[in-house]
């Protein structure tokens, strides 16, 4: 009977080894995905967890088309194909001034009621996709789109609220400057951007930005970036 004891422990050891292996695989897969980041403008890096846009992740931007363009500018300059869905007022000329490569930019201004289907199709072929949802998607559809993002390693930037995002960027405060304390010619706009990480917990980040600065550029006034960093901006 004593000889049977080792045989009884072997399956237990095997299960422990399998569990350990599964844990290591999950950690390796997570590390691999998290290590894949997209080029991000230095002025925006302090607002993002990890300092850059992550492949396969989703982000939310509230209250500023200019911020959306700035988030696209870094990946586009690095050669990434980008798409914008459901934003008929998204100007190609303005995007070009931001450094977005118009030859690698796909615009779908009116996706209609099938906007989520269109978004899923675009996610299959582009690296970064911006979408302005006209309505709230169902939880099951959101879960399927999130899985597709991870599978395709595509980054989604949503204009407005969206669940399960890596971070939410919001223009919390803004004010115009110009001649006559801004009552005359408006030359620059100063904004405070707040970034809330996934789930609303963790470190909240804040940056003072000019959108635009007096010299008609995008300027990070105070952030974790050493020295000012610039990017052309639109009003």
C-alpha atoms as a PDB file:
ATOM      1  CA  UNK A   1       0.000   0.000   0.000  1.00  0.00           C
ATOM      2  CA  UNK A   2       2.872   2.312   0.717  1.00  0.00           C
ATOM      3  CA  UNK A   3       4.131   1.826  -2.825  1.00  0.00           C
ATOM      4  CA  UNK A   4       0.940   3.380  -4.164  1.00  0.00           C
ATOM      5  CA  UNK A   5       1.553   6.743  -2.502  1.00  0.00           C
ATOM      6  CA  UNK A   6       3.954   8.111  -5.131  1.00  0.00           C
ATOM      7  CA  UNK A   7       1.489   7.282  -7.892  1.00  0.00           C
ATOM      8  CA  UNK A   8      -1.257   9.191  -6.079  1.00  0.00           C
ATOM      9  CA  UNK A   9       0.939  12.291  -5.857  1.00  0.00           C
ATOM     10  CA  UNK A  10       1.989  12.291  -9.494  1.00  0.00           C
ATOM     11  CA  UNK A  11      -1.320  13.599 -10.899  1.00  0.00           C
ATOM     12  CA  UNK A  12      -1.271  16.318  -8.236  1.00  0.00           C
ATOM     13  CA  UNK A  13       2.220  17.318  -9.296  1.00  0.00           C
ATOM     14  CA  UNK A  14       1.168  17.241 -12.936  1.00  0.00           C
ATOM     15  CA  UNK A  15      -1.780  19.512 -12.239  1.00  0.00           C
ATOM     16  CA  UNK A  16       0.459  21.927 -10.368  1.00  0.00           C
ATOM     17  CA  UNK A  17       2.933  21.951 -13.234  1.00  0.00           C
ATOM     18  CA  UNK A  18       0.168  22.513 -15.763  1.00  0.00           C
ATOM     19  CA  UNK A  19      -1.225  25.374 -13.683  1.00  0.00           C
ATOM     20  CA  UNK A  20       2.238  26.913 -13.422  1.00  0.00           C
ATOM     21  CA  UNK A  21       2.752  26.557 -17.167  1.00  0.00           C
ATOM     22  CA  UNK A  22      -0.632  28.125 -17.913  1.00  0.00           C
ATOM     23  CA  UNK A  23       0.188  31.039 -15.628  1.00  0.00           C
ATOM     24  CA  UNK A  24       3.531  31.578 -17.322  1.00  0.00           C
ATOM     25  CA  UNK A  25       1.944  31.447 -20.773  1.00  0.00           C
ATOM     26  CA  UNK A  26      -0.687  34.010 -19.789  1.00  0.00           C
ATOM     27  CA  UNK A  27       2.000  36.275 -18.366  1.00  0.00           C
ATOM     28  CA  UNK A  28       4.097  35.927 -21.513  1.00  0.00           C
ATOM     29  CA  UNK A  29       1.118  36.650 -23.739  1.00  0.00           C
ATOM     30  CA  UNK A  30       0.156  39.693 -21.676  1.00  0.00           C
ATOM     31  CA  UNK A  31       3.741  40.945 -21.726  1.00  0.00           C
ATOM     32  CA  UNK A  32       3.936  40.475 -25.466  1.00  0.00           C
ATOM     33  CA  UNK A  33       0.750  42.450 -26.063  1.00  0.00           C
ATOM     34  CA  UNK A  34       1.646  45.191 -23.592  1.00  0.00           C
ATOM     35  CA  UNK A  35       5.110  45.502 -25.106  1.00  0.00           C
ATOM     36  CA  UNK A  36       3.584  46.351 -28.483  1.00  0.00           C
ATOM     37  CA  UNK A  37       3.068  50.079 -28.416  1.00  0.00           C
ATOM     38  CA  UNK A  38       2.424  52.668 -31.086  1.00  0.00           C
ATOM     39  CA  UNK A  39       4.429  55.802 -31.632  1.00  0.00           C
ATOM     40  CA  UNK A  40       2.827  58.533 -29.538  1.00  0.00           C
ATOM     41  CA  UNK A  41       3.520  62.257 -29.539  1.00  0.00           C
ATOM     42  CA  UNK A  42       5.692  63.114 -26.502  1.00  0.00           C
ATOM     43  CA  UNK A  43       3.243  65.805 -25.344  1.00  0.00           C
ATOM     44  CA  UNK A  44       0.566  63.141 -24.876  1.00  0.00           C
ATOM     45  CA  UNK A  45       2.759  60.417 -23.394  1.00  0.00           C
ATOM     46  CA  UNK A  46       2.386  61.580 -19.759  1.00  0.00           C
ATOM     47  CA  UNK A  47      -1.388  61.202 -20.082  1.00  0.00           C
ATOM     48  CA  UNK A  48      -1.268  57.543 -21.107  1.00  0.00           C
ATOM     49  CA  UNK A  49      -0.589  54.483 -18.927  1.00  0.00           C
ATOM     50  CA  UNK A  50       2.804  53.187 -19.953  1.00  0.00           C
ATOM     51  CA  UNK A  51       3.517  56.419 -21.817  1.00  0.00           C
ATOM     52  CA  UNK A  52       2.180  55.249 -25.182  1.00  0.00           C
ATOM     53  CA  UNK A  53      -0.821  53.909 -27.050  1.00  0.00           C
ATOM     54  CA  UNK A  54      -1.022  50.130 -26.711  1.00  0.00           C
ATOM     55  CA  UNK A  55      -1.797  47.785 -29.569  1.00  0.00           C
ATOM     56  CA  UNK A  56      -5.071  45.946 -29.010  1.00  0.00           C
ATOM     57  CA  UNK A  57      -6.384  48.459 -26.458  1.00  0.00           C
ATOM     58  CA  UNK A  58      -9.219  50.992 -26.474  1.00  0.00           C
ATOM     59  CA  UNK A  59      -9.166  54.620 -25.331  1.00  0.00           C
ATOM     60  CA  UNK A  60     -11.843  57.240 -24.780  1.00  0.00           C
ATOM     61  CA  UNK A  61     -11.535  60.954 -25.599  1.00  0.00           C
ATOM     62  CA  UNK A  62     -14.120  63.468 -24.424  1.00  0.00           C
ATOM     63  CA  UNK A  63     -14.673  67.007 -25.587  1.00  0.00           C
ATOM     64  CA  UNK A  64     -11.970  67.580 -28.204  1.00  0.00           C
ATOM     65  CA  UNK A  65     -11.571  66.594 -31.840  1.00  0.00           C
ATOM     66  CA  UNK A  66      -8.140  68.212 -31.639  1.00  0.00           C
ATOM     67  CA  UNK A  67      -7.052  65.654 -29.050  1.00  0.00           C
ATOM     68  CA  UNK A  68      -8.307  62.864 -31.292  1.00  0.00           C
ATOM     69  CA  UNK A  69      -6.186  64.195 -34.143  1.00  0.00           C
ATOM     70  CA  UNK A  70      -3.167  64.525 -31.880  1.00  0.00           C
ATOM     71  CA  UNK A  71      -3.511  60.901 -30.813  1.00  0.00           C
ATOM     72  CA  UNK A  72      -3.612  59.830 -34.453  1.00  0.00           C
ATOM     73  CA  UNK A  73      -0.647  61.972 -35.452  1.00  0.00           C
ATOM     74  CA  UNK A  74       2.039  59.859 -33.774  1.00  0.00           C
ATOM     75  CA  UNK A  75       1.055  56.468 -35.222  1.00  0.00           C
ATOM     76  CA  UNK A  76       0.324  58.004 -38.627  1.00  0.00           C
ATOM     77  CA  UNK A  77       3.753  59.641 -38.783  1.00  0.00           C
ATOM     78  CA  UNK A  78       5.257  56.216 -38.112  1.00  0.00           C
ATOM     79  CA  UNK A  79       3.451  54.772 -41.144  1.00  0.00           C
ATOM     80  CA  UNK A  80       0.343  53.305 -39.525  1.00  0.00           C
ATOM     81  CA  UNK A  81      -2.921  53.208 -41.464  1.00  0.00           C
ATOM     82  CA  UNK A  82      -5.650  55.072 -39.574  1.00  0.00           C
ATOM     83  CA  UNK A  83      -9.421  55.283 -39.923  1.00  0.00           C
ATOM     84  CA  UNK A  84     -12.124  57.661 -38.698  1.00  0.00           C
ATOM     85  CA  UNK A  85     -15.736  56.449 -38.532  1.00  0.00           C
ATOM     86  CA  UNK A  86     -18.882  58.455 -37.893  1.00  0.00           C
ATOM     87  CA  UNK A  87     -17.309  61.932 -37.810  1.00  0.00           C
ATOM     88  CA  UNK A  88     -18.485  63.933 -40.861  1.00  0.00           C
ATOM     89  CA  UNK A  89     -16.892  67.112 -39.446  1.00  0.00           C
ATOM     90  CA  UNK A  90     -13.448  65.515 -39.210  1.00  0.00           C
ATOM     91  CA  UNK A  91     -11.483  67.754 -41.588  1.00  0.00           C
ATOM     92  CA  UNK A  92      -8.825  66.204 -43.788  1.00  0.00           C
ATOM     93  CA  UNK A  93      -7.072  69.562 -44.173  1.00  0.00           C
ATOM     94  CA  UNK A  94      -6.827  69.960 -40.414  1.00  0.00           C
ATOM     95  CA  UNK A  95      -5.628  66.367 -40.068  1.00  0.00           C
ATOM     96  CA  UNK A  96      -2.894  67.051 -42.591  1.00  0.00           C
ATOM     97  CA  UNK A  97      -1.697  70.055 -40.591  1.00  0.00           C
ATOM     98  CA  UNK A  98      -1.400  67.760 -37.600  1.00  0.00           C
ATOM     99  CA  UNK A  99       0.998  65.566 -39.522  1.00  0.00           C
ATOM    100  CA  UNK A 100      -1.516  62.814 -40.255  1.00  0.00           C
ATOM    101  CA  UNK A 101      -0.666  61.096 -43.535  1.00  0.00           C
ATOM    102  CA  UNK A 102      -3.767  61.618 -45.671  1.00  0.00           C
ATOM    103  CA  UNK A 103      -2.702  58.851 -48.051  1.00  0.00           C
ATOM    104  CA  UNK A 104      -2.973  56.414 -45.137  1.00  0.00           C
ATOM    105  CA  UNK A 105      -6.205  57.822 -43.703  1.00  0.00           C
ATOM    106  CA  UNK A 106      -9.594  56.183 -44.320  1.00  0.00           C
ATOM    107  CA  UNK A 107     -12.725  58.265 -43.620  1.00  0.00           C
ATOM    108  CA  UNK A 108     -16.176  56.743 -43.191  1.00  0.00           C
ATOM    109  CA  UNK A 109     -18.259  59.807 -42.261  1.00  0.00           C
ATOM    110  CA  UNK A 110     -21.703  58.174 -42.451  1.00  0.00           C
ATOM    111  CA  UNK A 111     -21.626  54.482 -41.432  1.00  0.00           C
ATOM    112  CA  UNK A 112     -25.365  54.456 -40.690  1.00  0.00           C
ATOM    113  CA  UNK A 113     -27.066  52.090 -38.280  1.00  0.00           C
ATOM    114  CA  UNK A 114     -24.440  49.420 -38.986  1.00  0.00           C
ATOM    115  CA  UNK A 115     -21.653  51.537 -37.507  1.00  0.00           C
ATOM    116  CA  UNK A 116     -20.472  48.738 -35.238  1.00  0.00           C
ATOM    117  CA  UNK A 117     -20.253  46.270 -38.136  1.00  0.00           C
ATOM    118  CA  UNK A 118     -18.342  48.862 -40.156  1.00  0.00           C
ATOM    119  CA  UNK A 119     -16.004  49.469 -37.232  1.00  0.00           C
ATOM    120  CA  UNK A 120     -15.297  45.749 -36.851  1.00  0.00           C
ATOM    121  CA  UNK A 121     -14.509  45.475 -40.566  1.00  0.00           C
ATOM    122  CA  UNK A 122     -12.147  48.459 -40.467  1.00  0.00           C
ATOM    123  CA  UNK A 123     -10.424  47.065 -37.368  1.00  0.00           C
ATOM    124  CA  UNK A 124      -9.475  44.016 -39.438  1.00  0.00           C
ATOM    125  CA  UNK A 125      -7.322  46.069 -41.821  1.00  0.00           C
ATOM    126  CA  UNK A 126      -6.151  49.259 -40.072  1.00  0.00           C
ATOM    127  CA  UNK A 127      -3.796  49.865 -37.149  1.00  0.00           C
ATOM    128  CA  UNK A 128      -5.652  52.721 -35.420  1.00  0.00           C
ATOM    129  CA  UNK A 129      -9.393  53.384 -35.628  1.00  0.00           C
ATOM    130  CA  UNK A 130     -11.334  56.384 -34.310  1.00  0.00           C
ATOM    131  CA  UNK A 131     -15.095  55.996 -33.964  1.00  0.00           C
ATOM    132  CA  UNK A 132     -17.893  58.278 -32.760  1.00  0.00           C
ATOM    133  CA  UNK A 133     -20.713  55.901 -31.738  1.00  0.00           C
ATOM    134  CA  UNK A 134     -24.187  57.335 -32.445  1.00  0.00           C
ATOM    135  CA  UNK A 135     -25.677  55.002 -29.843  1.00  0.00           C
ATOM    136  CA  UNK A 136     -24.602  52.652 -27.093  1.00  0.00           C
ATOM    137  CA  UNK A 137     -23.562  49.206 -28.222  1.00  0.00           C
ATOM    138  CA  UNK A 138     -24.697  46.046 -26.490  1.00  0.00           C
ATOM    139  CA  UNK A 139     -22.335  44.454 -23.997  1.00  0.00           C
ATOM    140  CA  UNK A 140     -21.947  41.332 -26.121  1.00  0.00           C
ATOM    141  CA  UNK A 141     -21.028  43.364 -29.200  1.00  0.00           C
ATOM    142  CA  UNK A 142     -18.514  45.372 -27.195  1.00  0.00           C
ATOM    143  CA  UNK A 143     -16.919  42.168 -25.885  1.00  0.00           C
ATOM    144  CA  UNK A 144     -16.625  40.751 -29.406  1.00  0.00           C
ATOM    145  CA  UNK A 145     -15.088  43.974 -30.711  1.00  0.00           C
ATOM    146  CA  UNK A 146     -12.613  44.007 -27.810  1.00  0.00           C
ATOM    147  CA  UNK A 147     -11.573  40.451 -28.644  1.00  0.00           C
ATOM    148  CA  UNK A 148     -11.077  41.440 -32.274  1.00  0.00           C
ATOM    149  CA  UNK A 149      -8.939  44.404 -31.246  1.00  0.00           C
ATOM    150  CA  UNK A 150      -6.645  42.093 -29.283  1.00  0.00           C
ATOM    151  CA  UNK A 151      -6.533  39.546 -32.079  1.00  0.00           C
ATOM    152  CA  UNK A 152      -5.706  42.130 -34.762  1.00  0.00           C
ATOM    153  CA  UNK A 153      -3.599  44.266 -32.388  1.00  0.00           C
ATOM    154  CA  UNK A 154      -5.559  47.320 -33.487  1.00  0.00           C
ATOM    155  CA  UNK A 155      -5.944  50.387 -31.279  1.00  0.00           C
ATOM    156  CA  UNK A 156      -9.432  51.880 -30.894  1.00  0.00           C
ATOM    157  CA  UNK A 157      -9.997  55.520 -29.919  1.00  0.00           C
ATOM    158  CA  UNK A 158     -13.612  56.350 -29.104  1.00  0.00           C
ATOM    159  CA  UNK A 159     -15.024  59.869 -29.235  1.00  0.00           C
ATOM    160  CA  UNK A 160     -17.144  59.705 -26.088  1.00  0.00           C
ATOM    161  CA  UNK A 161     -17.777  57.111 -23.411  1.00  0.00           C
ATOM    162  CA  UNK A 162     -16.795  53.476 -23.893  1.00  0.00           C
ATOM    163  CA  UNK A 163     -16.431  50.622 -21.395  1.00  0.00           C
ATOM    164  CA  UNK A 164     -13.217  48.716 -20.711  1.00  0.00           C
ATOM    165  CA  UNK A 165     -10.874  51.413 -22.001  1.00  0.00           C
ATOM    166  CA  UNK A 166      -7.209  51.676 -21.106  1.00  0.00           C
ATOM    167  CA  UNK A 167      -7.701  55.358 -20.236  1.00  0.00           C
ATOM    168  CA  UNK A 168     -10.231  58.159 -20.628  1.00  0.00           C
ATOM    169  CA  UNK A 169      -8.916  61.592 -21.637  1.00  0.00           C
ATOM    170  CA  UNK A 170     -11.168  64.571 -20.888  1.00  0.00           C
ATOM    171  CA  UNK A 171     -10.827  68.305 -21.475  1.00  0.00           C
ATOM    172  CA  UNK A 172     -11.703  69.407 -17.948  1.00  0.00           C
ATOM    173  CA  UNK A 173     -11.139  73.154 -18.282  1.00  0.00           C
ATOM    174  CA  UNK A 174     -10.429  75.569 -21.106  1.00  0.00           C
ATOM    175  CA  UNK A 175     -10.033  79.284 -21.719  1.00  0.00           C
ATOM    176  CA  UNK A 176      -9.162  81.543 -24.603  1.00  0.00           C
ATOM    177  CA  UNK A 177      -6.434  84.199 -24.680  1.00  0.00           C
ATOM    178  CA  UNK A 178      -5.996  87.081 -27.087  1.00  0.00           C
ATOM    179  CA  UNK A 179      -6.257  90.819 -27.528  1.00  0.00           C
ATOM    180  CA  UNK A 180      -8.400  92.477 -24.894  1.00  0.00           C
ATOM    181  CA  UNK A 181      -8.023  89.495 -22.559  1.00  0.00           C
ATOM    182  CA  UNK A 182      -9.557  87.317 -25.195  1.00  0.00           C
ATOM    183  CA  UNK A 183     -12.468  89.630 -25.962  1.00  0.00           C
ATOM    184  CA  UNK A 184     -10.948  90.681 -29.260  1.00  0.00           C
ATOM    185  CA  UNK A 185      -8.822  88.431 -31.496  1.00  0.00           C
ATOM    186  CA  UNK A 186      -8.656  84.936 -30.013  1.00  0.00           C
ATOM    187  CA  UNK A 187      -5.112  83.730 -30.525  1.00  0.00           C
ATOM    188  CA  UNK A 188      -4.731  80.725 -28.235  1.00  0.00           C
ATOM    189  CA  UNK A 189      -6.693  78.264 -26.154  1.00  0.00           C
ATOM    190  CA  UNK A 190      -5.403  76.787 -22.933  1.00  0.00           C
ATOM    191  CA  UNK A 191      -6.897  73.519 -21.712  1.00  0.00           C
ATOM    192  CA  UNK A 192      -6.463  71.131 -18.826  1.00  0.00           C
ATOM    193  CA  UNK A 193      -6.616  67.502 -19.882  1.00  0.00           C
ATOM    194  CA  UNK A 194      -7.272  64.816 -17.295  1.00  0.00           C
ATOM    195  CA  UNK A 195      -6.571  61.132 -17.847  1.00  0.00           C
ATOM    196  CA  UNK A 196      -8.345  58.468 -15.808  1.00  0.00           C
ATOM    197  CA  UNK A 197      -6.982  54.887 -16.062  1.00  0.00           C
ATOM    198  CA  UNK A 198      -8.983  51.707 -16.536  1.00  0.00           C
ATOM    199  CA  UNK A 199     -11.733  51.254 -13.971  1.00  0.00           C
ATOM    200  CA  UNK A 200     -11.327  54.764 -12.585  1.00  0.00           C
ATOM    201  CA  UNK A 201      -8.722  53.617 -10.059  1.00  0.00           C
ATOM    202  CA  UNK A 202      -5.007  54.174 -10.040  1.00  0.00           C
ATOM    203  CA  UNK A 203      -2.969  57.258 -10.826  1.00  0.00           C
ATOM    204  CA  UNK A 204      -4.856  60.104 -12.475  1.00  0.00           C
ATOM    205  CA  UNK A 205      -2.780  62.218 -14.810  1.00  0.00           C
ATOM    206  CA  UNK A 206      -3.196  65.898 -15.673  1.00  0.00           C
ATOM    207  CA  UNK A 207      -1.511  68.038 -18.316  1.00  0.00           C
ATOM    208  CA  UNK A 208      -1.800  71.703 -19.274  1.00  0.00           C
ATOM    209  CA  UNK A 209      -1.962  72.076 -23.043  1.00  0.00           C
ATOM    210  CA  UNK A 210      -2.365  74.884 -25.546  1.00  0.00           C
ATOM    211  CA  UNK A 211      -4.904  74.029 -28.265  1.00  0.00           C
ATOM    212  CA  UNK A 212      -3.654  76.076 -30.084  1.00  0.00           C
ATOM    213  CA  UNK A 213      -0.745  78.067 -28.667  1.00  0.00           C
ATOM    214  CA  UNK A 214      -0.214  81.705 -29.722  1.00  0.00           C
ATOM    215  CA  UNK A 215       2.065  80.486 -32.519  1.00  0.00           C
ATOM    216  CA  UNK A 216      -0.739  78.195 -33.776  1.00  0.00           C
ATOM    217  CA  UNK A 217       0.917  75.043 -32.527  1.00  0.00           C
ATOM    218  CA  UNK A 218       0.002  72.301 -30.103  1.00  0.00           C
ATOM    219  CA  UNK A 219       2.012  72.858 -26.931  1.00  0.00           C
ATOM    220  CA  UNK A 220       2.368  70.863 -23.734  1.00  0.00           C
ATOM    221  CA  UNK A 221       2.850  73.550 -21.101  1.00  0.00           C
ATOM    222  CA  UNK A 222       3.301  71.452 -17.969  1.00  0.00           C
ATOM    223  CA  UNK A 223       3.672  67.704 -17.967  1.00  0.00           C
ATOM    224  CA  UNK A 224       6.118  64.937 -17.104  1.00  0.00           C
ATOM    225  CA  UNK A 225       7.886  65.551 -20.416  1.00  0.00           C
ATOM    226  CA  UNK A 226      11.117  67.478 -19.957  1.00  0.00           C
ATOM    227  CA  UNK A 227      10.885  70.706 -21.908  1.00  0.00           C
ATOM    228  CA  UNK A 228       8.136  71.883 -24.269  1.00  0.00           C
ATOM    229  CA  UNK A 229       7.058  69.620 -27.100  1.00  0.00           C
ATOM    230  CA  UNK A 230       5.126  70.886 -30.075  1.00  0.00           C
ATOM    231  CA  UNK A 231       2.746  69.658 -32.701  1.00  0.00           C
ATOM    232  CA  UNK A 232       0.826  71.782 -35.193  1.00  0.00           C
ATOM    233  CA  UNK A 233      -2.728  72.385 -34.080  1.00  0.00           C
ATOM    234  CA  UNK A 234      -6.073  73.538 -35.359  1.00  0.00           C
ATOM    235  CA  UNK A 235      -8.642  75.733 -33.694  1.00  0.00           C
END
